[in-house]
Amino acid sequence: MIVVVDERELVKDGYTSLFGREGVPSTGFDPSEFGEWVNTAADTDLNAVEAFLIGQGRGTLTLPKAIRDRSKAPVIAVSDSPSLETTLAFFDCGVDDVVRKPVHPREILARAAAIRRRFGGADSFTDIGAIRVFSDGRDPEISGDAFPLPRRERRILEYLVANRGRRVSKTQIFSAIYGIFDEDVEENVIESHISKLRKKLRKKLGFDPIDSKRFLGYCIDWK
């Protein structure tokens, strides 16, 4: 999930729409509301955040520190101004990167992935058996061949691989794929997405690498 902090409703709604087209959930906060949320949100909610986007608004320069107290997710400032002073002010307050509008959501996702790799030592891809998933939005590969998937199924596979070795619940997957604030989609839709994904994996691999246990959740395994 991407969290956008900006005082302008049009900006927040615009990013929500743009990231939605990329299959990435997002939500928007006014700077005055965000400070309270980031200080009181549950750890599970914060763990679902892939990146924070800081835009325009009173007090935004104080927000990176509040974020760092609770989360290690990348903090990227989106600047409307081409001035050097504005860029330096954002870096001085602790953001990881500054981009200038207009900027494509894929560029933001790529920058966030690069920041995570730099600070977390992660590669741009992760292998589990013959499956390779990428952190930059590309379709996964199986045995070196492209394995095209719809966006939701691709992100579920990415999430399961990122959490390989531990079981994740349907609620955790839903939060990562649809966002913790999406009230228009029923959580049970995850079961349908996973069922379709498992059928495709079984057809390609000859077996189903996703193990599910009632009440416990899902785990990807390699036999």
C-alpha atoms as a PDB file:
ATOM      1  CA  MET A   1       0.000   0.000   0.000  1.00  0.00           C
ATOM      2  CA  ILE A   2       1.116   3.546  -0.786  1.00  0.00           C
ATOM      3  CA  VAL A   3       0.211   6.307   1.680  1.00  0.00           C
ATOM      4  CA  VAL A   4      -0.099   9.785   0.160  1.00  0.00           C
ATOM      5  CA  VAL A   5       0.050  12.812   2.469  1.00  0.00           C
ATOM      6  CA  ASP A   6      -1.182  16.044   0.874  1.00  0.00           C
ATOM      7  CA  GLU A   7      -3.653  18.756   1.824  1.00  0.00           C
ATOM      8  CA  ARG A   8      -5.242  18.755  -1.632  1.00  0.00           C
ATOM      9  CA  GLU A   9      -8.096  16.287  -2.178  1.00  0.00           C
ATOM     10  CA  LEU A  10      -7.568  16.372  -5.934  1.00  0.00           C
ATOM     11  CA  VAL A  11      -3.959  15.220  -5.525  1.00  0.00           C
ATOM     12  CA  LYS A  12      -4.838  12.407  -3.133  1.00  0.00           C
ATOM     13  CA  ASP A  13      -7.706  11.182  -5.323  1.00  0.00           C
ATOM     14  CA  GLY A  14      -5.494  11.385  -8.405  1.00  0.00           C
ATOM     15  CA  TYR A  15      -2.771   9.213  -6.911  1.00  0.00           C
ATOM     16  CA  THR A  16      -5.328   6.716  -5.616  1.00  0.00           C
ATOM     17  CA  SER A  17      -6.647   6.333  -9.145  1.00  0.00           C
ATOM     18  CA  LEU A  18      -3.199   6.114 -10.752  1.00  0.00           C
ATOM     19  CA  PHE A  19      -1.843   3.534  -8.325  1.00  0.00           C
ATOM     20  CA  GLY A  20      -5.083   1.587  -8.609  1.00  0.00           C
ATOM     21  CA  ARG A  21      -4.477   1.201 -12.337  1.00  0.00           C
ATOM     22  CA  GLU A  22      -1.112  -0.349 -11.463  1.00  0.00           C
ATOM     23  CA  GLY A  23      -2.796  -2.785  -9.075  1.00  0.00           C
ATOM     24  CA  VAL A  24      -1.299  -1.059  -6.034  1.00  0.00           C
ATOM     25  CA  PRO A  25      -3.614   0.018  -3.200  1.00  0.00           C
ATOM     26  CA  SER A  26      -3.194   3.510  -1.824  1.00  0.00           C
ATOM     27  CA  THR A  27      -4.856   5.910   0.558  1.00  0.00           C
ATOM     28  CA  GLY A  28      -4.574   9.623   1.246  1.00  0.00           C
ATOM     29  CA  PHE A  29      -4.253  11.718   4.401  1.00  0.00           C
ATOM     30  CA  ASP A  30      -4.340  15.386   5.173  1.00  0.00           C
ATOM     31  CA  PRO A  31      -1.079  16.262   6.985  1.00  0.00           C
ATOM     32  CA  SER A  32      -2.979  17.135  10.172  1.00  0.00           C
ATOM     33  CA  GLU A  33      -4.705  13.741  10.208  1.00  0.00           C
ATOM     34  CA  PHE A  34      -1.662  11.749   9.193  1.00  0.00           C
ATOM     35  CA  GLY A  35       0.409  12.634  12.246  1.00  0.00           C
ATOM     36  CA  GLU A  36      -2.183  11.132  14.572  1.00  0.00           C
ATOM     37  CA  TRP A  37      -2.641   8.043  12.395  1.00  0.00           C
ATOM     38  CA  VAL A  38       1.048   7.187  12.065  1.00  0.00           C
ATOM     39  CA  ASN A  39       1.489   7.517  15.824  1.00  0.00           C
ATOM     40  CA  THR A  40      -1.460   5.290  16.723  1.00  0.00           C
ATOM     41  CA  ALA A  41      -1.763   2.807  13.828  1.00  0.00           C
ATOM     42  CA  ALA A  42      -1.285  -0.880  14.561  1.00  0.00           C
ATOM     43  CA  ASP A  43       2.038  -2.401  13.559  1.00  0.00           C
ATOM     44  CA  THR A  44       0.231  -4.722  11.122  1.00  0.00           C
ATOM     45  CA  ASP A  45      -1.250  -1.705   9.330  1.00  0.00           C
ATOM     46  CA  LEU A  46       2.114   0.037   9.072  1.00  0.00           C
ATOM     47  CA  ASN A  47       3.775  -3.147   7.832  1.00  0.00           C
ATOM     48  CA  ALA A  48       1.396  -3.092   4.848  1.00  0.00           C
ATOM     49  CA  VAL A  49       2.803   0.265   3.684  1.00  0.00           C
ATOM     50  CA  GLU A  50       5.273   0.013   0.788  1.00  0.00           C
ATOM     51  CA  ALA A  51       6.072   3.724   0.684  1.00  0.00           C
ATOM     52  CA  PHE A  52       4.970   7.117   2.002  1.00  0.00           C
ATOM     53  CA  LEU A  53       4.549  10.037  -0.416  1.00  0.00           C
ATOM     54  CA  ILE A  54       4.874  13.471   1.155  1.00  0.00           C
ATOM     55  CA  GLY A  55       3.354  16.328  -0.810  1.00  0.00           C
ATOM     56  CA  GLN A  56       2.063  19.793  -0.054  1.00  0.00           C
ATOM     57  CA  GLY A  57       0.673  20.971   3.244  1.00  0.00           C
ATOM     58  CA  ARG A  58       1.408  22.705   6.490  1.00  0.00           C
ATOM     59  CA  GLY A  59       3.674  20.646   8.739  1.00  0.00           C
ATOM     60  CA  THR A  60       4.723  18.102   6.103  1.00  0.00           C
ATOM     61  CA  LEU A  61       8.411  18.678   6.852  1.00  0.00           C
ATOM     62  CA  THR A  62       7.885  17.288  10.366  1.00  0.00           C
ATOM     63  CA  LEU A  63       6.326  14.055   9.134  1.00  0.00           C
ATOM     64  CA  PRO A  64       9.395  12.008   8.061  1.00  0.00           C
ATOM     65  CA  LYS A  65      10.629  11.821  11.657  1.00  0.00           C
ATOM     66  CA  ALA A  66       7.207  10.636  12.838  1.00  0.00           C
ATOM     67  CA  ILE A  67       7.263   7.984  10.124  1.00  0.00           C
ATOM     68  CA  ARG A  68      10.775   6.833  11.026  1.00  0.00           C
ATOM     69  CA  ASP A  69       9.717   6.320  14.628  1.00  0.00           C
ATOM     70  CA  ARG A  70       7.209   3.704  13.446  1.00  0.00           C
ATOM     71  CA  SER A  71       8.229   2.403  10.004  1.00  0.00           C
ATOM     72  CA  LYS A  72      11.220   1.648   7.774  1.00  0.00           C
ATOM     73  CA  ALA A  73       9.232   2.074   4.552  1.00  0.00           C
ATOM     74  CA  PRO A  74      10.683   4.522   1.988  1.00  0.00           C
ATOM     75  CA  VAL A  75       9.645   8.162   2.363  1.00  0.00           C
ATOM     76  CA  ILE A  76       9.491  10.008  -0.954  1.00  0.00           C
ATOM     77  CA  ALA A  77       8.677  13.699  -1.298  1.00  0.00           C
ATOM     78  CA  VAL A  78       6.729  14.843  -4.357  1.00  0.00           C
ATOM     79  CA  SER A  79       7.591  18.455  -5.112  1.00  0.00           C
ATOM     80  CA  ASP A  80       5.564  20.925  -7.154  1.00  0.00           C
ATOM     81  CA  SER A  81       8.444  23.369  -7.124  1.00  0.00           C
ATOM     82  CA  PRO A  82      11.641  23.099  -9.201  1.00  0.00           C
ATOM     83  CA  SER A  83      13.585  25.168  -6.681  1.00  0.00           C
ATOM     84  CA  LEU A  84      16.773  23.871  -5.103  1.00  0.00           C
ATOM     85  CA  GLU A  85      15.690  25.278  -1.725  1.00  0.00           C
ATOM     86  CA  THR A  86      12.538  23.139  -1.701  1.00  0.00           C
ATOM     87  CA  THR A  87      14.474  20.004  -2.630  1.00  0.00           C
ATOM     88  CA  LEU A  88      17.107  20.590   0.051  1.00  0.00           C
ATOM     89  CA  ALA A  89      14.424  21.300   2.662  1.00  0.00           C
ATOM     90  CA  PHE A  90      12.843  17.912   1.976  1.00  0.00           C
ATOM     91  CA  PHE A  91      16.175  16.106   2.233  1.00  0.00           C
ATOM     92  CA  ASP A  92      17.040  17.989   5.410  1.00  0.00           C
ATOM     93  CA  CYS A  93      13.862  16.771   7.080  1.00  0.00           C
ATOM     94  CA  GLY A  94      14.780  13.132   6.421  1.00  0.00           C
ATOM     95  CA  VAL A  95      13.095  11.940   3.230  1.00  0.00           C
ATOM     96  CA  ASP A  96      14.791   9.200   1.196  1.00  0.00           C
ATOM     97  CA  ASP A  97      14.165  10.723  -2.215  1.00  0.00           C
ATOM     98  CA  VAL A  98      12.583  13.742  -3.904  1.00  0.00           C
ATOM     99  CA  VAL A  99      10.728  13.612  -7.238  1.00  0.00           C
ATOM    100  CA  ARG A 100       9.216  16.474  -9.183  1.00  0.00           C
ATOM    101  CA  LYS A 101       5.788  16.460 -10.742  1.00  0.00           C
ATOM    102  CA  PRO A 102       4.647  15.225 -13.113  1.00  0.00           C
ATOM    103  CA  VAL A 103       5.850  11.740 -12.195  1.00  0.00           C
ATOM    104  CA  HIS A 104       4.487   8.378 -13.321  1.00  0.00           C
ATOM    105  CA  PRO A 105       3.380   6.004 -10.523  1.00  0.00           C
ATOM    106  CA  ARG A 106       5.656   3.305 -11.932  1.00  0.00           C
ATOM    107  CA  GLU A 107       8.639   5.585 -11.388  1.00  0.00           C
ATOM    108  CA  ILE A 108       7.593   6.096  -7.782  1.00  0.00           C
ATOM    109  CA  LEU A 109       7.267   2.321  -7.292  1.00  0.00           C
ATOM    110  CA  ALA A 110      10.666   1.763  -8.908  1.00  0.00           C
ATOM    111  CA  ARG A 111      12.295   4.397  -6.701  1.00  0.00           C
ATOM    112  CA  ALA A 112      10.694   2.885  -3.595  1.00  0.00           C
ATOM    113  CA  ALA A 113      11.971  -0.572  -4.581  1.00  0.00           C
ATOM    114  CA  ALA A 114      15.465   0.851  -5.138  1.00  0.00           C
ATOM    115  CA  ILE A 115      15.437   2.469  -1.691  1.00  0.00           C
ATOM    116  CA  ARG A 116      14.388  -0.809  -0.077  1.00  0.00           C
ATOM    117  CA  ARG A 117      17.180  -2.644  -1.892  1.00  0.00           C
ATOM    118  CA  ARG A 118      19.746  -0.045  -0.865  1.00  0.00           C
ATOM    119  CA  PHE A 119      18.876  -0.079   2.802  1.00  0.00           C
ATOM    120  CA  GLY A 120      17.617  -3.616   3.131  1.00  0.00           C
ATOM    121  CA  GLY A 121      20.129  -5.357   0.907  1.00  0.00           C
ATOM    122  CA  ALA A 122      17.357  -6.888  -1.157  1.00  0.00           C
ATOM    123  CA  ASP A 123      17.777  -7.910  -4.785  1.00  0.00           C
ATOM    124  CA  SER A 124      15.434  -6.677  -7.497  1.00  0.00           C
ATOM    125  CA  PHE A 125      14.063 -10.206  -7.656  1.00  0.00           C
ATOM    126  CA  THR A 126      13.450 -13.151  -5.359  1.00  0.00           C
ATOM    127  CA  ASP A 127      13.695 -16.821  -6.322  1.00  0.00           C
ATOM    128  CA  ILE A 128      11.863 -19.719  -4.770  1.00  0.00           C
ATOM    129  CA  GLY A 129      12.473 -22.894  -6.672  1.00  0.00           C
ATOM    130  CA  ALA A 130      11.782 -22.248 -10.356  1.00  0.00           C
ATOM    131  CA  ILE A 131       9.701 -19.148  -9.552  1.00  0.00           C
ATOM    132  CA  ARG A 132      11.249 -15.702  -9.799  1.00  0.00           C
ATOM    133  CA  VAL A 133       9.276 -12.606  -8.768  1.00  0.00           C
ATOM    134  CA  PHE A 134      10.403  -9.025  -9.292  1.00  0.00           C
ATOM    135  CA  SER A 135      10.042  -5.956  -7.093  1.00  0.00           C
ATOM    136  CA  ASP A 136       9.544  -3.503  -9.967  1.00  0.00           C
ATOM    137  CA  GLY A 137       6.148  -4.588 -11.289  1.00  0.00           C
ATOM    138  CA  ARG A 138       7.332  -7.013 -13.976  1.00  0.00           C
ATOM    139  CA  ASP A 139       5.527 -10.290 -14.491  1.00  0.00           C
ATOM    140  CA  PRO A 140       7.130 -13.232 -12.674  1.00  0.00           C
ATOM    141  CA  GLU A 141       9.112 -15.941 -14.428  1.00  0.00           C
ATOM    142  CA  ILE A 142       8.997 -19.700 -14.102  1.00  0.00           C
ATOM    143  CA  SER A 143      12.102 -21.595 -15.235  1.00  0.00           C
ATOM    144  CA  GLY A 144      13.207 -18.468 -17.078  1.00  0.00           C
ATOM    145  CA  ASP A 145       9.972 -18.065 -19.042  1.00  0.00           C
ATOM    146  CA  ALA A 146       7.590 -15.144 -18.516  1.00  0.00           C
ATOM    147  CA  PHE A 147       4.531 -16.087 -16.475  1.00  0.00           C
ATOM    148  CA  PRO A 148       1.967 -13.314 -17.136  1.00  0.00           C
ATOM    149  CA  LEU A 149      -0.616 -12.798 -14.416  1.00  0.00           C
ATOM    150  CA  PRO A 150      -3.402 -10.301 -13.747  1.00  0.00           C
ATOM    151  CA  ARG A 151      -2.240  -7.561 -11.375  1.00  0.00           C
ATOM    152  CA  ARG A 152      -3.984  -8.879  -8.259  1.00  0.00           C
ATOM    153  CA  GLU A 153      -2.726 -12.431  -8.739  1.00  0.00           C
ATOM    154  CA  ARG A 154       0.785 -11.169  -9.456  1.00  0.00           C
ATOM    155  CA  ARG A 155       0.841  -9.109  -6.275  1.00  0.00           C
ATOM    156  CA  ILE A 156      -0.478 -12.039  -4.224  1.00  0.00           C
ATOM    157  CA  LEU A 157       2.333 -14.218  -5.566  1.00  0.00           C
ATOM    158  CA  GLU A 158       4.857 -11.469  -4.785  1.00  0.00           C
ATOM    159  CA  TYR A 159       3.488 -11.152  -1.252  1.00  0.00           C
ATOM    160  CA  LEU A 160       3.587 -14.898  -0.605  1.00  0.00           C
ATOM    161  CA  VAL A 161       7.157 -15.157  -1.912  1.00  0.00           C
ATOM    162  CA  ALA A 162       8.225 -12.126   0.144  1.00  0.00           C
ATOM    163  CA  ASN A 163       6.843 -13.932   3.207  1.00  0.00           C
ATOM    164  CA  ARG A 164       8.134 -17.369   2.274  1.00  0.00           C
ATOM    165  CA  GLY A 165       8.711 -19.586   5.263  1.00  0.00           C
ATOM    166  CA  ARG A 166       5.822 -18.202   7.277  1.00  0.00           C
ATOM    167  CA  ARG A 167       2.079 -18.469   6.991  1.00  0.00           C
ATOM    168  CA  VAL A 168       0.031 -15.348   6.216  1.00  0.00           C
ATOM    169  CA  SER A 169      -3.669 -14.882   6.795  1.00  0.00           C
ATOM    170  CA  LYS A 170      -6.321 -13.895   4.298  1.00  0.00           C
ATOM    171  CA  THR A 171      -6.644 -10.573   6.128  1.00  0.00           C
ATOM    172  CA  GLN A 172      -2.920  -9.852   5.766  1.00  0.00           C
ATOM    173  CA  ILE A 173      -3.037 -10.619   2.049  1.00  0.00           C
ATOM    174  CA  PHE A 174      -6.128  -8.463   1.609  1.00  0.00           C
ATOM    175  CA  SER A 175      -4.460  -5.523   3.375  1.00  0.00           C
ATOM    176  CA  ALA A 176      -1.369  -5.830   1.185  1.00  0.00           C
ATOM    177  CA  ILE A 177      -3.291  -6.158  -2.083  1.00  0.00           C
ATOM    178  CA  TYR A 178      -6.293  -3.887  -1.583  1.00  0.00           C
ATOM    179  CA  GLY A 179      -5.178  -1.634   1.249  1.00  0.00           C
ATOM    180  CA  ILE A 180      -6.373  -1.360   4.814  1.00  0.00           C
ATOM    181  CA  PHE A 181      -8.876   1.380   4.007  1.00  0.00           C
ATOM    182  CA  ASP A 182     -10.757  -0.218   1.098  1.00  0.00           C
ATOM    183  CA  GLU A 183     -14.302  -0.810   2.315  1.00  0.00           C
ATOM    184  CA  ASP A 184     -15.789  -1.386  -1.145  1.00  0.00           C
ATOM    185  CA  VAL A 185     -14.243  -4.829  -1.646  1.00  0.00           C
ATOM    186  CA  GLU A 186     -15.067  -7.926   0.390  1.00  0.00           C
ATOM    187  CA  GLU A 187     -12.150  -9.760   1.950  1.00  0.00           C
ATOM    188  CA  ASN A 188     -13.398 -13.070   0.519  1.00  0.00           C
ATOM    189  CA  VAL A 189     -12.321 -11.925  -2.956  1.00  0.00           C
ATOM    190  CA  ILE A 190      -8.823 -13.051  -1.937  1.00  0.00           C
ATOM    191  CA  GLU A 191      -9.970 -16.675  -1.979  1.00  0.00           C
ATOM    192  CA  SER A 192     -11.063 -16.322  -5.605  1.00  0.00           C
ATOM    193  CA  HIS A 193      -7.765 -14.707  -6.638  1.00  0.00           C
ATOM    194  CA  ILE A 194      -5.703 -17.373  -4.876  1.00  0.00           C
ATOM    195  CA  SER A 195      -7.790 -20.192  -6.381  1.00  0.00           C
ATOM    196  CA  LYS A 196      -7.106 -18.871  -9.898  1.00  0.00           C
ATOM    197  CA  LEU A 197      -3.419 -18.367  -9.127  1.00  0.00           C
ATOM    198  CA  ARG A 198      -3.037 -21.903  -7.764  1.00  0.00           C
ATOM    199  CA  LYS A 199      -4.623 -23.422 -10.873  1.00  0.00           C
ATOM    200  CA  LYS A 200      -2.196 -21.546 -13.124  1.00  0.00           C
ATOM    201  CA  LEU A 201       0.800 -22.523 -11.006  1.00  0.00           C
ATOM    202  CA  ARG A 202      -0.306 -26.161 -10.933  1.00  0.00           C
ATOM    203  CA  LYS A 203      -0.667 -26.197 -14.714  1.00  0.00           C
ATOM    204  CA  LYS A 204       2.779 -24.633 -15.229  1.00  0.00           C
ATOM    205  CA  LEU A 205       4.717 -26.464 -12.508  1.00  0.00           C
ATOM    206  CA  GLY A 206       2.882 -29.761 -12.295  1.00  0.00           C
ATOM    207  CA  PHE A 207       2.101 -29.178  -8.624  1.00  0.00           C
ATOM    208  CA  ASP A 208       0.636 -26.519  -6.365  1.00  0.00           C
ATOM    209  CA  PRO A 209       3.317 -24.693  -4.317  1.00  0.00           C
ATOM    210  CA  ILE A 210       0.767 -22.811  -2.186  1.00  0.00           C
ATOM    211  CA  ASP A 211      -0.252 -24.579   0.995  1.00  0.00           C
ATOM    212  CA  SER A 212      -3.410 -23.473   2.763  1.00  0.00           C
ATOM    213  CA  LYS A 213      -4.751 -24.387   6.163  1.00  0.00           C
ATOM    214  CA  ARG A 214      -8.131 -23.360   7.425  1.00  0.00           C
ATOM    215  CA  PHE A 215      -7.973 -20.559  10.030  1.00  0.00           C
ATOM    216  CA  LEU A 216      -4.162 -20.396   9.677  1.00  0.00           C
ATOM    217  CA  GLY A 217      -3.734 -18.957   6.201  1.00  0.00           C
ATOM    218  CA  TYR A 218      -1.416 -19.516   3.258  1.00  0.00           C
ATOM    219  CA  CYS A 219       2.248 -20.312   2.749  1.00  0.00           C
ATOM    220  CA  ILE A 220       4.243 -20.843  -0.424  1.00  0.00           C
ATOM    221  CA  ASP A 221       6.495 -23.876  -0.348  1.00  0.00           C
ATOM    222  CA  TRP A 222       8.818 -25.655  -2.769  1.00  0.00           C
ATOM    223  CA  LYS A 223       8.947 -29.417  -2.872  1.00  0.00           C
END
